[in-house]
Protein backbone atom coordinates (compact mmCIF):
# COMPACT_ATOMS: atom_id res chain seq x y z
CA MET A 1 68.11 -102.18 106.81
CA LYS A 2 66.08 -99.12 107.76
CA ASN A 3 69.19 -96.97 108.17
CA LYS A 4 70.37 -97.89 104.68
CA LEU A 5 67.04 -96.93 103.17
CA LYS A 6 66.95 -93.68 105.14
CA LEU A 7 70.43 -92.77 103.91
CA ARG A 8 69.51 -93.53 100.30
CA ALA A 9 66.30 -91.50 100.68
CA VAL A 10 68.32 -88.54 102.01
CA GLY A 11 70.61 -88.79 98.98
CA LEU A 12 67.70 -88.90 96.59
CA GLY A 13 66.05 -86.00 98.40
CA LEU A 14 69.21 -83.91 98.11
CA MET A 15 69.39 -84.60 94.38
CA ILE A 16 65.75 -83.58 93.95
CA LEU A 17 66.37 -80.45 96.03
CA GLY A 18 69.33 -79.61 93.81
CA GLY A 19 67.16 -79.89 90.72
CA ILE A 20 64.48 -77.68 92.23
CA LEU A 21 67.06 -75.08 93.28
CA PHE A 22 68.49 -75.10 89.76
CA VAL A 23 65.09 -74.43 88.22
CA VAL A 24 64.47 -71.63 90.73
CA ALA A 25 67.87 -70.09 90.00
CA VAL A 26 67.40 -70.13 86.24
CA LYS A 27 63.73 -69.34 85.94
CA TYR A 28 62.68 -67.12 88.84
CA ILE A 29 65.70 -65.17 90.11
CA ASN A 30 66.66 -62.16 88.02
CA SER A 31 69.43 -60.61 90.17
CA GLU A 32 72.96 -61.72 89.42
CA TRP A 33 74.43 -62.60 92.84
CA PRO A 34 71.41 -64.41 94.32
CA GLN A 35 71.19 -66.42 91.10
CA ILE A 36 74.86 -67.39 91.44
CA PHE A 37 74.49 -68.41 95.09
CA VAL A 38 71.32 -70.45 94.51
CA GLY A 39 72.93 -72.07 91.47
CA LEU A 40 75.98 -73.03 93.51
CA ALA A 41 73.74 -74.37 96.27
CA SER A 42 71.93 -76.50 93.69
CA ILE A 43 75.21 -77.94 92.42
CA LEU A 44 76.42 -78.65 95.96
CA SER A 45 73.13 -80.28 96.91
CA SER A 46 73.06 -82.47 93.80
CA ALA A 47 76.68 -83.52 94.25
CA MET A 48 76.18 -84.41 97.91
CA GLY A 49 73.03 -86.37 97.08
CA PHE A 50 74.80 -88.28 94.32
CA GLY A 51 77.72 -89.02 96.62
CA ILE A 52 75.40 -90.36 99.29
CA LEU A 53 73.56 -92.51 96.75
CA ILE A 54 76.70 -94.21 95.41
CA MET A 55 78.46 -94.46 98.79
CA PRO A 56 79.14 -98.07 99.75
CA LEU A 57 77.37 -98.98 102.97
CA GLU A 58 79.30 -102.15 103.75
CA PRO A 59 82.94 -101.78 104.80
CA SER A 60 85.27 -103.39 102.30
CA SER A 61 87.36 -106.28 103.53
CA THR A 62 91.11 -105.74 103.33
CA GLU A 63 91.95 -109.36 104.17
CA PRO A 64 92.46 -111.69 101.21
CA GLU A 65 90.00 -114.53 101.00
CA GLN A 66 91.40 -118.03 101.56
CA ASN A 67 89.96 -120.86 99.50
CA ASP A 68 90.78 -124.25 101.03
């Protein structure tokens, strides 16, 4: 139970970090290349966080269920 919550918290934290990096890239960085790199880091961080949040934690069963 704790591991599941920790993993979800990491995903949420990565999404929040991606949002913060995006704001920093758009608002505070004026040079072209650093802005591009920080923007790409924000997209990567948000995507990884979202992927971790929607990742199934229980392995799916490949065996068909038998109803007797």
